[in-house]
């Protein structure tokens, strides 16, 4: 999971920097079965794409 994030974080971090935002992320793996790197990477990319950058300061 760490490798999947490491290889896909660049565009996510660029977007954070453009928006002048910071974020703390934690990935929790809850399956009993160990999935292939392709499945994990696809899920990590999906989650990173789901993070919304709003102007709310709450």
Protein backbone atom coordinates (compact mmCIF):
# COMPACT_ATOMS: atom_id res chain seq x y z
CA UNK A 1 0.00 0.00 0.00
CA UNK A 2 2.87 2.33 0.79
CA UNK A 3 4.36 1.75 -2.65
CA UNK A 4 1.03 2.39 -4.35
CA UNK A 5 0.75 5.74 -2.57
CA UNK A 6 4.39 6.64 -3.21
CA UNK A 7 4.09 6.10 -6.94
CA UNK A 8 0.79 7.98 -7.28
CA UNK A 9 1.13 10.88 -4.86
CA UNK A 10 2.75 13.42 -7.16
CA UNK A 11 -0.35 14.79 -8.91
CA UNK A 12 -2.21 14.73 -5.59
CA UNK A 13 0.52 16.74 -3.85
CA UNK A 14 0.71 19.19 -6.77
CA UNK A 15 -3.03 19.83 -6.44
CA UNK A 16 -2.63 20.41 -2.69
CA UNK A 17 0.17 22.86 -3.32
CA UNK A 18 -1.85 24.73 -5.98
CA UNK A 19 -4.77 25.04 -3.58
CA UNK A 20 -2.45 26.00 -0.70
CA UNK A 21 -3.90 23.17 1.38
CA UNK A 22 -2.53 20.52 3.69
CA UNK A 23 -4.02 17.17 4.50
CA UNK A 24 -3.31 14.20 6.75
CA UNK A 25 -4.06 10.82 5.21
CA UNK A 26 -4.28 7.39 6.73
CA UNK A 27 -4.98 4.22 4.80
CA UNK A 28 -6.42 1.29 6.72
CA UNK A 29 -6.41 -2.14 5.10
CA UNK A 30 -9.27 -4.22 6.46
CA UNK A 31 -9.33 -7.30 4.24
CA UNK A 32 -8.21 -10.71 5.42
CA UNK A 33 -6.94 -11.54 1.94
CA UNK A 34 -3.79 -9.87 0.64
CA UNK A 35 -4.63 -8.35 -2.75
CA UNK A 36 -2.28 -7.89 -5.69
CA UNK A 37 -0.43 -4.60 -6.07
CA UNK A 38 -2.63 -3.77 -9.08
CA UNK A 39 -5.82 -3.98 -7.01
CA UNK A 40 -4.32 -1.97 -4.14
CA UNK A 41 -2.91 0.67 -6.49
CA UNK A 42 -6.25 1.09 -8.22
CA UNK A 43 -7.93 1.62 -4.84
CA UNK A 44 -5.31 4.14 -3.68
CA UNK A 45 -5.68 6.13 -6.92
CA UNK A 46 -9.45 6.10 -6.49
CA UNK A 47 -9.22 7.39 -2.91
CA UNK A 48 -6.76 10.14 -3.84
CA UNK A 49 -9.16 11.23 -6.59
CA UNK A 50 -12.05 11.35 -4.14
CA UNK A 51 -10.39 13.90 -1.84
CA UNK A 52 -12.17 17.20 -2.27
CA UNK A 53 -10.44 20.55 -2.01
CA UNK A 54 -12.94 23.06 -0.70
CA UNK A 55 -12.52 26.62 0.47
CA UNK A 56 -14.28 25.89 3.78
CA UNK A 57 -12.13 26.59 6.81
CA UNK A 58 -14.24 24.65 9.33
